[in-house]
Amino acid sequence: MDLQKLSAFVCVAKWRSFTKASAELFISQPALSKKISDFEKELGAILFVRDNRTVELTEAGQLLYSEAPVLLRYGDELEGKVRALGENPNSRLTIGCTGIEYGRLSRTLYGFHQAHPEISLTLHRYTAAEIRSHICGNMLDIAFQTRFELENESDVSGIPFDRDELAVVVSKFHPLAGEREISMEQLRGETYIGIQPTSDHVPFVRMIDMLEKTGYSPEGIAIASTVDELVISVSCGLAIGHLFSQTRDVYGGMISYLRTRDCSIQLEVDMVWNNGNKNKAKKLLIDYVKEENSKRGRF
C-alpha cells in the first residue's frame, strides 16, 4: 500500500472535500483526484461517493479511514527504524534462544544492555531446528544452543555460555513430588515424555540412550513438540520428563523438580554465531560474555 496515497486519502476524508484537501497538501485538485483514483484502482474498491457538492465515504472508505492512522503511524516508526539502522548498521543485535538458557541469559543480556545502551537487542525464541537454520543462514547475529546441536557446522563458531544439570520433572500431585532426591528405579513404569529430535533443544534419542544406562524402563514414551507442551503434560500427570534445573524459575509453579542419585546428566549451552556475520556489535557481546566467564571462573 502506497503510504503517500493513503495520506492523501486521509486528508480528503477528513475534510470531505477535494478542494480543502488539495490546499492542505499543496497540490492541484486534478492531481489529487488522480492520486485518489489510482489508489482506488490499486485497492480494487471505491472509497468516495462524489457529486458536485459533497464527498462521502463508502463502506470501504469508512473502514480504511478508521484503520489508516495505525498504518501511517507504523509506517513512520518503521521508516525511522530503517533510517537509524542505515545510518548505523552495527547498533542492533538479533538474538535467538530456545528457552533453556533463561537463568544466565536474563542476567547476561540485562548486564550487557546496561553496559551498552546504544545497542538495540531483539530476542526471539525458536526451536533448535530453527536456530540451526537461522544461524547457518546468517539470519541471527547470536544464538544460544546446546553444544551438540551445531557441533558439526563448519561455518559456525561459539564459546561456552552455561552448564546445567537435568532434573526429573513430575506433576505437583505426584507421590514423589515432595522428595528431595530419588532414583530412576522409583519411576519405573511411568510414561516418559521428551522433546522431538528435530524441534527443540534436547534430542529425544540421545536422552533415551542416557536413561537406558541407568536401567530405567518407561511404561511408554510420549513426544512433545515444545518445552511448554512437555510441561503441560507433566503438570497434568500424563508423564514424567527431564528439564534443565535452571528452568525451575520459569516452570517451578507448575511442576516439581527432583534430583536423581543414579542419573546425573549435564548439558552445556554455547553462545554461537555465523563466521560470515559482519555485525560489529556482535564482538561486543562476545567480549562481554568472555569477561563474565573469566570473572566467575566459568569453563
C-alpha atoms as a PDB file:
ATOM      1  CA  MET A   1       0.000   0.000   0.000  1.00  0.00           C
ATOM      2  CA  ASP A   2       1.322   3.409  -1.032  1.00  0.00           C
ATOM      3  CA  LEU A   3       1.508   5.471   2.178  1.00  0.00           C
ATOM      4  CA  GLN A   4       1.603   8.770   0.256  1.00  0.00           C
ATOM      5  CA  LYS A   5      -1.686   7.923  -1.409  1.00  0.00           C
ATOM      6  CA  LEU A   6      -3.050   6.748   1.932  1.00  0.00           C
ATOM      7  CA  SER A   7      -2.124  10.110   3.473  1.00  0.00           C
ATOM      8  CA  ALA A   8      -3.885  11.912   0.613  1.00  0.00           C
ATOM      9  CA  PHE A   9      -6.967   9.746   1.155  1.00  0.00           C
ATOM     10  CA  VAL A  10      -6.996  10.574   4.889  1.00  0.00           C
ATOM     11  CA  CYS A  11      -6.793  14.280   4.137  1.00  0.00           C
ATOM     12  CA  VAL A  12      -9.754  14.148   1.723  1.00  0.00           C
ATOM     13  CA  ALA A  13     -11.743  12.017   4.168  1.00  0.00           C
ATOM     14  CA  LYS A  14     -11.020  14.463   6.970  1.00  0.00           C
ATOM     15  CA  TRP A  15     -12.260  17.480   5.044  1.00  0.00           C
ATOM     16  CA  ARG A  16     -14.850  15.646   2.908  1.00  0.00           C
ATOM     17  CA  SER A  17     -13.577  17.990   0.254  1.00  0.00           C
ATOM     18  CA  PHE A  18     -11.021  17.668  -2.547  1.00  0.00           C
ATOM     19  CA  THR A  19     -10.673  21.461  -2.667  1.00  0.00           C
ATOM     20  CA  LYS A  20      -9.721  21.830   1.004  1.00  0.00           C
ATOM     21  CA  ALA A  21      -7.535  18.725   0.925  1.00  0.00           C
ATOM     22  CA  SER A  22      -5.611  19.905  -2.138  1.00  0.00           C
ATOM     23  CA  ALA A  23      -4.949  23.229  -0.407  1.00  0.00           C
ATOM     24  CA  GLU A  24      -3.594  21.467   2.703  1.00  0.00           C
ATOM     25  CA  LEU A  25      -1.432  19.121   0.638  1.00  0.00           C
ATOM     26  CA  PHE A  26      -0.176  21.902  -1.687  1.00  0.00           C
ATOM     27  CA  ILE A  27      -1.117  20.033  -4.861  1.00  0.00           C
ATOM     28  CA  SER A  28      -3.648  20.815  -7.570  1.00  0.00           C
ATOM     29  CA  GLN A  29      -7.134  19.400  -7.300  1.00  0.00           C
ATOM     30  CA  PRO A  30      -6.830  17.417 -10.573  1.00  0.00           C
ATOM     31  CA  ALA A  31      -3.563  15.853  -9.328  1.00  0.00           C
ATOM     32  CA  LEU A  32      -5.214  14.914  -6.038  1.00  0.00           C
ATOM     33  CA  SER A  33      -8.238  13.436  -7.816  1.00  0.00           C
ATOM     34  CA  LYS A  34      -5.956  11.311  -9.998  1.00  0.00           C
ATOM     35  CA  LYS A  35      -3.983  10.137  -6.952  1.00  0.00           C
ATOM     36  CA  ILE A  36      -7.190   9.024  -5.208  1.00  0.00           C
ATOM     37  CA  SER A  37      -8.493   7.389  -8.387  1.00  0.00           C
ATOM     38  CA  ASP A  38      -5.225   5.464  -8.808  1.00  0.00           C
ATOM     39  CA  PHE A  39      -5.399   4.440  -5.130  1.00  0.00           C
ATOM     40  CA  GLU A  40      -8.920   3.100  -5.579  1.00  0.00           C
ATOM     41  CA  LYS A  41      -7.784   1.066  -8.591  1.00  0.00           C
ATOM     42  CA  GLU A  42      -4.877  -0.378  -6.613  1.00  0.00           C
ATOM     43  CA  LEU A  43      -7.195  -1.385  -3.772  1.00  0.00           C
ATOM     44  CA  GLY A  44      -9.964  -2.601  -6.033  1.00  0.00           C
ATOM     45  CA  ALA A  45     -12.550  -0.614  -4.078  1.00  0.00           C
ATOM     46  CA  ILE A  46     -14.380   2.700  -4.383  1.00  0.00           C
ATOM     47  CA  LEU A  47     -13.542   4.893  -1.387  1.00  0.00           C
ATOM     48  CA  PHE A  48     -15.623   8.015  -2.053  1.00  0.00           C
ATOM     49  CA  VAL A  49     -19.035   8.800  -3.449  1.00  0.00           C
ATOM     50  CA  ARG A  50     -18.668  12.121  -5.252  1.00  0.00           C
ATOM     51  CA  ASP A  51     -21.165  14.586  -6.657  1.00  0.00           C
ATOM     52  CA  ASN A  52     -20.949  18.289  -7.473  1.00  0.00           C
ATOM     53  CA  ARG A  53     -21.386  19.398  -3.861  1.00  0.00           C
ATOM     54  CA  THR A  54     -20.437  16.598  -1.450  1.00  0.00           C
ATOM     55  CA  VAL A  55     -17.845  13.908  -0.913  1.00  0.00           C
ATOM     56  CA  GLU A  56     -18.883  10.951   1.237  1.00  0.00           C
ATOM     57  CA  LEU A  57     -17.063   7.806   2.300  1.00  0.00           C
ATOM     58  CA  THR A  58     -18.220   4.425   1.068  1.00  0.00           C
ATOM     59  CA  GLU A  59     -18.267   1.468   3.480  1.00  0.00           C
ATOM     60  CA  ALA A  60     -14.795   0.512   2.244  1.00  0.00           C
ATOM     61  CA  GLY A  61     -13.675   4.127   2.693  1.00  0.00           C
ATOM     62  CA  GLN A  62     -15.006   4.220   6.259  1.00  0.00           C
ATOM     63  CA  LEU A  63     -13.109   1.034   7.117  1.00  0.00           C
ATOM     64  CA  LEU A  64      -9.877   2.354   5.644  1.00  0.00           C
ATOM     65  CA  TYR A  65     -10.284   5.748   7.335  1.00  0.00           C
ATOM     66  CA  SER A  66     -10.730   4.088  10.733  1.00  0.00           C
ATOM     67  CA  GLU A  67      -7.587   1.976  10.329  1.00  0.00           C
ATOM     68  CA  ALA A  68      -5.393   4.424   8.405  1.00  0.00           C
ATOM     69  CA  PRO A  69      -3.906   6.255  11.442  1.00  0.00           C
ATOM     70  CA  VAL A  70      -2.437   2.982  12.738  1.00  0.00           C
ATOM     71  CA  LEU A  71      -0.937   2.171   9.336  1.00  0.00           C
ATOM     72  CA  LEU A  72       0.534   5.646   8.930  1.00  0.00           C
ATOM     73  CA  ARG A  73       1.960   5.687  12.449  1.00  0.00           C
ATOM     74  CA  TYR A  74       3.525   2.257  11.956  1.00  0.00           C
ATOM     75  CA  GLY A  75       4.918   3.378   8.597  1.00  0.00           C
ATOM     76  CA  ASP A  76       6.557   6.421  10.195  1.00  0.00           C
ATOM     77  CA  GLU A  77       8.014   4.318  13.026  1.00  0.00           C
ATOM     78  CA  LEU A  78       9.305   1.697  10.613  1.00  0.00           C
ATOM     79  CA  GLU A  79      10.878   4.336   8.388  1.00  0.00           C
ATOM     80  CA  GLY A  80      12.618   5.814  11.418  1.00  0.00           C
ATOM     81  CA  LYS A  81      13.992   2.426  12.453  1.00  0.00           C
ATOM     82  CA  VAL A  82      15.201   1.655   8.940  1.00  0.00           C
ATOM     83  CA  ARG A  83      16.883   5.058   8.610  1.00  0.00           C
ATOM     84  CA  ALA A  84      18.570   4.628  12.004  1.00  0.00           C
ATOM     85  CA  LEU A  85      19.806   1.191  11.021  1.00  0.00           C
ATOM     86  CA  GLY A  86      21.035   2.525   7.693  1.00  0.00           C
ATOM     87  CA  GLU A  87      22.995   5.262   9.439  1.00  0.00           C
ATOM     88  CA  ASN A  88      24.491   2.817  11.954  1.00  0.00           C
ATOM     89  CA  PRO A  89      24.070  -0.817  10.849  1.00  0.00           C
ATOM     90  CA  ASN A  90      26.068  -2.085  13.831  1.00  0.00           C
ATOM     91  CA  SER A  91      23.757  -0.682  16.504  1.00  0.00           C
ATOM     92  CA  ARG A  92      21.430  -3.692  16.621  1.00  0.00           C
ATOM     93  CA  LEU A  93      21.766  -7.353  17.593  1.00  0.00           C
ATOM     94  CA  THR A  94      19.223 -10.023  16.712  1.00  0.00           C
ATOM     95  CA  ILE A  95      19.480 -12.918  19.154  1.00  0.00           C
ATOM     96  CA  GLY A  96      17.882 -16.369  19.161  1.00  0.00           C
ATOM     97  CA  CYS A  97      17.336 -18.768  22.044  1.00  0.00           C
ATOM     98  CA  THR A  98      15.376 -21.961  22.721  1.00  0.00           C
ATOM     99  CA  GLY A  99      14.258 -21.131  26.263  1.00  0.00           C
ATOM    100  CA  ILE A 100      16.674 -23.366  28.156  1.00  0.00           C
ATOM    101  CA  GLU A 101      19.058 -20.506  28.915  1.00  0.00           C
ATOM    102  CA  TYR A 102      16.697 -18.302  30.915  1.00  0.00           C
ATOM    103  CA  GLY A 103      18.773 -18.448  34.108  1.00  0.00           C
ATOM    104  CA  ARG A 104      22.005 -16.903  32.944  1.00  0.00           C
ATOM    105  CA  LEU A 105      20.651 -15.423  29.731  1.00  0.00           C
ATOM    106  CA  SER A 106      18.450 -12.922  31.553  1.00  0.00           C
ATOM    107  CA  ARG A 107      21.315 -11.729  33.754  1.00  0.00           C
ATOM    108  CA  THR A 108      23.774 -11.548  30.874  1.00  0.00           C
ATOM    109  CA  LEU A 109      21.579  -9.602  28.461  1.00  0.00           C
ATOM    110  CA  TYR A 110      20.428  -7.251  31.219  1.00  0.00           C
ATOM    111  CA  GLY A 111      24.047  -6.524  32.143  1.00  0.00           C
ATOM    112  CA  PHE A 112      25.083  -6.097  28.509  1.00  0.00           C
ATOM    113  CA  HIS A 113      22.196  -3.701  27.875  1.00  0.00           C
ATOM    114  CA  GLN A 114      23.237  -1.604  30.871  1.00  0.00           C
ATOM    115  CA  ALA A 115      26.851  -1.552  29.667  1.00  0.00           C
ATOM    116  CA  HIS A 116      25.932  -0.817  26.025  1.00  0.00           C
ATOM    117  CA  PRO A 117      22.612   1.059  25.904  1.00  0.00           C
ATOM    118  CA  GLU A 118      23.473   2.204  22.383  1.00  0.00           C
ATOM    119  CA  ILE A 119      22.987  -1.381  21.112  1.00  0.00           C
ATOM    120  CA  SER A 120      19.380  -2.356  20.443  1.00  0.00           C
ATOM    121  CA  LEU A 121      18.682  -6.002  21.326  1.00  0.00           C
ATOM    122  CA  THR A 122      15.922  -8.075  19.739  1.00  0.00           C
ATOM    123  CA  LEU A 123      15.366 -11.526  21.265  1.00  0.00           C
ATOM    124  CA  HIS A 124      13.459 -14.341  19.559  1.00  0.00           C
ATOM    125  CA  ARG A 125      12.591 -17.784  20.876  1.00  0.00           C
ATOM    126  CA  TYR A 126      12.950 -20.596  18.344  1.00  0.00           C
ATOM    127  CA  THR A 127      13.149 -24.374  18.271  1.00  0.00           C
ATOM    128  CA  ALA A 128      16.610 -25.906  17.955  1.00  0.00           C
ATOM    129  CA  ALA A 129      15.964 -26.706  14.294  1.00  0.00           C
ATOM    130  CA  GLU A 130      15.026 -23.079  13.616  1.00  0.00           C
ATOM    131  CA  ILE A 131      18.126 -21.844  15.469  1.00  0.00           C
ATOM    132  CA  ARG A 132      20.292 -24.078  13.285  1.00  0.00           C
ATOM    133  CA  SER A 133      18.612 -22.806  10.122  1.00  0.00           C
ATOM    134  CA  HIS A 134      18.762 -19.122  11.112  1.00  0.00           C
ATOM    135  CA  ILE A 135      22.387 -19.227  12.279  1.00  0.00           C
ATOM    136  CA  CYS A 136      23.574 -21.181   9.243  1.00  0.00           C
ATOM    137  CA  GLY A 137      21.579 -18.817   7.031  1.00  0.00           C
ATOM    138  CA  ASN A 138      23.096 -15.794   8.816  1.00  0.00           C
ATOM    139  CA  MET A 139      19.646 -14.532   9.836  1.00  0.00           C
ATOM    140  CA  LEU A 140      20.664 -14.199  13.502  1.00  0.00           C
ATOM    141  CA  ASP A 141      23.672 -12.350  14.884  1.00  0.00           C
ATOM    142  CA  ILE A 142      23.953 -14.510  18.004  1.00  0.00           C
ATOM    143  CA  ALA A 143      22.180 -17.627  19.268  1.00  0.00           C
ATOM    144  CA  PHE A 144      22.251 -19.814  22.358  1.00  0.00           C
ATOM    145  CA  GLN A 145      22.164 -23.562  21.767  1.00  0.00           C
ATOM    146  CA  THR A 146      23.123 -26.857  23.402  1.00  0.00           C
ATOM    147  CA  ARG A 147      26.615 -27.753  22.280  1.00  0.00           C
ATOM    148  CA  PHE A 148      25.897 -30.853  20.228  1.00  0.00           C
ATOM    149  CA  GLU A 149      23.189 -29.146  18.149  1.00  0.00           C
ATOM    150  CA  LEU A 150      25.697 -27.233  15.992  1.00  0.00           C
ATOM    151  CA  GLU A 151      28.952 -29.079  16.648  1.00  0.00           C
ATOM    152  CA  ASN A 152      29.256 -30.274  13.027  1.00  0.00           C
ATOM    153  CA  GLU A 153      28.643 -26.890  11.370  1.00  0.00           C
ATOM    154  CA  SER A 154      31.960 -25.629   9.953  1.00  0.00           C
ATOM    155  CA  ASP A 155      30.671 -22.085   9.374  1.00  0.00           C
ATOM    156  CA  VAL A 156      29.583 -21.649  12.998  1.00  0.00           C
ATOM    157  CA  SER A 157      31.788 -20.671  15.937  1.00  0.00           C
ATOM    158  CA  GLY A 158      30.950 -20.416  19.605  1.00  0.00           C
ATOM    159  CA  ILE A 159      32.097 -20.078  23.177  1.00  0.00           C
ATOM    160  CA  PRO A 160      30.840 -21.832  26.331  1.00  0.00           C
ATOM    161  CA  PHE A 161      27.947 -19.998  27.930  1.00  0.00           C
ATOM    162  CA  ASP A 162      26.359 -22.181  30.597  1.00  0.00           C
ATOM    163  CA  ARG A 163      26.275 -25.666  32.051  1.00  0.00           C
ATOM    164  CA  ASP A 164      23.328 -27.162  33.864  1.00  0.00           C
ATOM    165  CA  GLU A 165      22.163 -30.470  35.263  1.00  0.00           C
ATOM    166  CA  LEU A 166      18.986 -32.106  34.054  1.00  0.00           C
ATOM    167  CA  ALA A 167      16.359 -32.698  36.726  1.00  0.00           C
ATOM    168  CA  VAL A 168      13.473 -35.131  36.636  1.00  0.00           C
ATOM    169  CA  VAL A 169      10.183 -33.249  36.450  1.00  0.00           C
ATOM    170  CA  VAL A 170       6.911 -34.646  37.759  1.00  0.00           C
ATOM    171  CA  SER A 171       3.427 -33.345  38.489  1.00  0.00           C
ATOM    172  CA  LYS A 172       2.936 -31.357  41.687  1.00  0.00           C
ATOM    173  CA  PHE A 173       0.450 -34.105  42.621  1.00  0.00           C
ATOM    174  CA  HIS A 174       2.858 -36.995  42.023  1.00  0.00           C
ATOM    175  CA  PRO A 175       3.516 -39.162  45.132  1.00  0.00           C
ATOM    176  CA  LEU A 176       7.245 -38.376  44.853  1.00  0.00           C
ATOM    177  CA  ALA A 177       6.799 -34.628  44.307  1.00  0.00           C
ATOM    178  CA  GLY A 178       7.898 -33.807  47.862  1.00  0.00           C
ATOM    179  CA  GLU A 179      11.104 -35.859  47.751  1.00  0.00           C
ATOM    180  CA  ARG A 180      14.451 -34.080  47.503  1.00  0.00           C
ATOM    181  CA  GLU A 181      16.233 -36.939  45.765  1.00  0.00           C
ATOM    182  CA  ILE A 182      15.057 -40.123  44.092  1.00  0.00           C
ATOM    183  CA  SER A 183      16.355 -42.961  41.928  1.00  0.00           C
ATOM    184  CA  MET A 184      15.094 -43.581  38.420  1.00  0.00           C
ATOM    185  CA  GLU A 185      14.054 -47.041  39.632  1.00  0.00           C
ATOM    186  CA  GLN A 186      11.278 -45.366  41.641  1.00  0.00           C
ATOM    187  CA  LEU A 187       9.815 -44.083  38.380  1.00  0.00           C
ATOM    188  CA  ARG A 188       9.771 -47.477  36.669  1.00  0.00           C
ATOM    189  CA  GLY A 189       6.503 -47.952  34.861  1.00  0.00           C
ATOM    190  CA  GLU A 190       5.858 -44.225  34.358  1.00  0.00           C
ATOM    191  CA  THR A 191       5.283 -42.856  30.862  1.00  0.00           C
ATOM    192  CA  TYR A 192       8.280 -40.769  29.807  1.00  0.00           C
ATOM    193  CA  ILE A 193       7.909 -37.644  27.666  1.00  0.00           C
ATOM    194  CA  GLY A 194      10.707 -35.988  25.733  1.00  0.00           C
ATOM    195  CA  ILE A 195      11.243 -33.407  23.013  1.00  0.00           C
ATOM    196  CA  GLN A 196      11.251 -34.276  19.325  1.00  0.00           C
ATOM    197  CA  PRO A 197      14.820 -34.505  17.990  1.00  0.00           C
ATOM    198  CA  THR A 198      14.068 -32.024  15.208  1.00  0.00           C
ATOM    199  CA  SER A 199      12.049 -29.445  17.089  1.00  0.00           C
ATOM    200  CA  ASP A 200      13.770 -28.425  20.290  1.00  0.00           C
ATOM    201  CA  HIS A 201      16.863 -28.428  22.447  1.00  0.00           C
ATOM    202  CA  VAL A 202      17.320 -31.983  23.795  1.00  0.00           C
ATOM    203  CA  PRO A 203      17.375 -34.627  21.057  1.00  0.00           C
ATOM    204  CA  PHE A 204      14.993 -37.343  22.152  1.00  0.00           C
ATOM    205  CA  VAL A 205      17.035 -40.361  21.077  1.00  0.00           C
ATOM    206  CA  ARG A 206      20.115 -39.155  22.951  1.00  0.00           C
ATOM    207  CA  MET A 207      18.088 -38.672  26.129  1.00  0.00           C
ATOM    208  CA  ILE A 208      16.615 -42.176  25.937  1.00  0.00           C
ATOM    209  CA  ASP A 209      20.110 -43.622  25.476  1.00  0.00           C
ATOM    210  CA  MET A 210      21.270 -41.824  28.637  1.00  0.00           C
ATOM    211  CA  LEU A 211      18.311 -43.129  30.624  1.00  0.00           C
ATOM    212  CA  GLU A 212      18.746 -46.714  29.481  1.00  0.00           C
ATOM    213  CA  LYS A 213      22.208 -46.729  31.061  1.00  0.00           C
ATOM    214  CA  THR A 214      20.552 -46.326  34.469  1.00  0.00           C
ATOM    215  CA  GLY A 215      18.327 -49.338  33.909  1.00  0.00           C
ATOM    216  CA  TYR A 216      15.229 -47.154  33.710  1.00  0.00           C
ATOM    217  CA  SER A 217      12.452 -48.699  31.657  1.00  0.00           C
ATOM    218  CA  PRO A 218       9.439 -46.489  30.906  1.00  0.00           C
ATOM    219  CA  GLU A 219       5.927 -47.864  30.558  1.00  0.00           C
ATOM    220  CA  GLY A 220       5.536 -45.858  27.391  1.00  0.00           C
ATOM    221  CA  ILE A 221       7.124 -42.970  25.505  1.00  0.00           C
ATOM    222  CA  ALA A 222       5.394 -39.733  24.569  1.00  0.00           C
ATOM    223  CA  ILE A 223       6.777 -36.980  22.372  1.00  0.00           C
ATOM    224  CA  ALA A 224       6.233 -33.240  22.871  1.00  0.00           C
ATOM    225  CA  SER A 225       6.894 -30.702  20.148  1.00  0.00           C
ATOM    226  CA  THR A 226       7.920 -27.903  22.555  1.00  0.00           C
ATOM    227  CA  VAL A 227       9.056 -27.410  26.130  1.00  0.00           C
ATOM    228  CA  ASP A 228       5.719 -25.804  27.005  1.00  0.00           C
ATOM    229  CA  GLU A 229       3.855 -28.860  25.725  1.00  0.00           C
ATOM    230  CA  LEU A 230       6.090 -31.111  27.819  1.00  0.00           C
ATOM    231  CA  VAL A 231       5.454 -29.018  30.937  1.00  0.00           C
ATOM    232  CA  ILE A 232       1.683 -29.111  30.470  1.00  0.00           C
ATOM    233  CA  SER A 233       1.691 -32.901  30.025  1.00  0.00           C
ATOM    234  CA  VAL A 234       3.851 -33.385  33.106  1.00  0.00           C
ATOM    235  CA  SER A 235       1.792 -30.978  35.213  1.00  0.00           C
ATOM    236  CA  CYS A 236      -1.356 -32.992  34.397  1.00  0.00           C
ATOM    237  CA  GLY A 237       0.330 -36.225  35.480  1.00  0.00           C
ATOM    238  CA  LEU A 238       0.365 -37.718  31.980  1.00  0.00           C
ATOM    239  CA  ALA A 239       4.112 -38.408  32.038  1.00  0.00           C
ATOM    240  CA  ILE A 240       7.435 -37.613  33.697  1.00  0.00           C
ATOM    241  CA  GLY A 241      10.369 -35.998  31.916  1.00  0.00           C
ATOM    242  CA  HIS A 242      13.626 -34.068  32.206  1.00  0.00           C
ATOM    243  CA  LEU A 243      14.358 -30.334  32.083  1.00  0.00           C
ATOM    244  CA  PHE A 244      17.341 -28.160  32.910  1.00  0.00           C
ATOM    245  CA  SER A 245      17.368 -27.325  36.622  1.00  0.00           C
ATOM    246  CA  GLN A 246      17.547 -23.586  35.957  1.00  0.00           C
ATOM    247  CA  THR A 247      14.148 -23.653  34.233  1.00  0.00           C
ATOM    248  CA  ARG A 248      12.669 -24.119  37.710  1.00  0.00           C
ATOM    249  CA  ASP A 249      12.385 -20.319  37.938  1.00  0.00           C
ATOM    250  CA  VAL A 250      10.075 -20.409  34.898  1.00  0.00           C
ATOM    251  CA  TYR A 251       8.092 -23.618  35.369  1.00  0.00           C
ATOM    252  CA  GLY A 252       8.507 -24.371  39.075  1.00  0.00           C
ATOM    253  CA  GLY A 253       4.986 -23.189  39.843  1.00  0.00           C
ATOM    254  CA  MET A 254       3.528 -25.915  37.614  1.00  0.00           C
ATOM    255  CA  ILE A 255       5.779 -28.946  38.112  1.00  0.00           C
ATOM    256  CA  SER A 256       8.206 -30.376  40.679  1.00  0.00           C
ATOM    257  CA  TYR A 257      11.945 -30.731  40.025  1.00  0.00           C
ATOM    258  CA  LEU A 258      13.719 -33.755  41.551  1.00  0.00           C
ATOM    259  CA  ARG A 259      17.380 -34.711  41.775  1.00  0.00           C
ATOM    260  CA  THR A 260      18.294 -38.296  40.879  1.00  0.00           C
ATOM    261  CA  ARG A 261      21.068 -40.158  42.626  1.00  0.00           C
ATOM    262  CA  ASP A 262      21.635 -42.610  39.773  1.00  0.00           C
ATOM    263  CA  CYS A 263      21.186 -40.391  36.703  1.00  0.00           C
ATOM    264  CA  SER A 264      23.269 -37.209  36.704  1.00  0.00           C
ATOM    265  CA  ILE A 265      23.172 -35.657  33.240  1.00  0.00           C
ATOM    266  CA  GLN A 266      24.789 -32.329  32.470  1.00  0.00           C
ATOM    267  CA  LEU A 267      24.464 -30.454  29.197  1.00  0.00           C
ATOM    268  CA  GLU A 268      26.383 -27.403  28.050  1.00  0.00           C
ATOM    269  CA  VAL A 269      24.990 -24.364  26.274  1.00  0.00           C
ATOM    270  CA  ASP A 270      27.131 -22.348  23.884  1.00  0.00           C
ATOM    271  CA  MET A 271      26.768 -18.848  22.511  1.00  0.00           C
ATOM    272  CA  VAL A 272      27.168 -19.268  18.743  1.00  0.00           C
ATOM    273  CA  TRP A 273      27.395 -17.144  15.606  1.00  0.00           C
ATOM    274  CA  ASN A 274      27.956 -17.470  11.879  1.00  0.00           C
ATOM    275  CA  ASN A 275      31.558 -16.774  10.885  1.00  0.00           C
ATOM    276  CA  GLY A 276      30.305 -14.750   7.936  1.00  0.00           C
ATOM    277  CA  ASN A 277      28.308 -12.358  10.110  1.00  0.00           C
ATOM    278  CA  LYS A 278      29.799  -8.843   9.805  1.00  0.00           C
ATOM    279  CA  ASN A 279      27.839  -7.089  12.556  1.00  0.00           C
ATOM    280  CA  LYS A 280      30.478  -5.342  14.670  1.00  0.00           C
ATOM    281  CA  ALA A 281      28.174  -5.206  17.707  1.00  0.00           C
ATOM    282  CA  LYS A 282      28.423  -8.997  17.855  1.00  0.00           C
ATOM    283  CA  LYS A 283      32.007  -8.742  19.102  1.00  0.00           C
ATOM    284  CA  LEU A 284      30.890  -6.507  21.984  1.00  0.00           C
ATOM    285  CA  LEU A 285      28.548  -9.216  23.272  1.00  0.00           C
ATOM    286  CA  ILE A 286      31.133 -11.965  22.718  1.00  0.00           C
ATOM    287  CA  ASP A 287      33.730  -9.997  24.691  1.00  0.00           C
ATOM    288  CA  TYR A 288      31.179  -9.282  27.417  1.00  0.00           C
ATOM    289  CA  VAL A 289      30.388 -12.984  27.851  1.00  0.00           C
ATOM    290  CA  LYS A 290      34.087 -13.891  27.819  1.00  0.00           C
ATOM    291  CA  GLU A 291      34.711 -11.343  30.569  1.00  0.00           C
ATOM    292  CA  GLU A 292      31.788 -12.733  32.567  1.00  0.00           C
ATOM    293  CA  ASN A 293      33.189 -16.244  32.207  1.00  0.00           C
ATOM    294  CA  SER A 294      36.579 -15.059  33.406  1.00  0.00           C
ATOM    295  CA  LYS A 295      35.219 -13.177  36.433  1.00  0.00           C
ATOM    296  CA  ARG A 296      33.043 -16.096  37.535  1.00  0.00           C
ATOM    297  CA  GLY A 297      35.716 -18.718  36.873  1.00  0.00           C
ATOM    298  CA  ARG A 298      33.489 -20.496  34.372  1.00  0.00           C
ATOM    299  CA  PHE A 299      34.813 -23.098  31.953  1.00  0.00           C
END
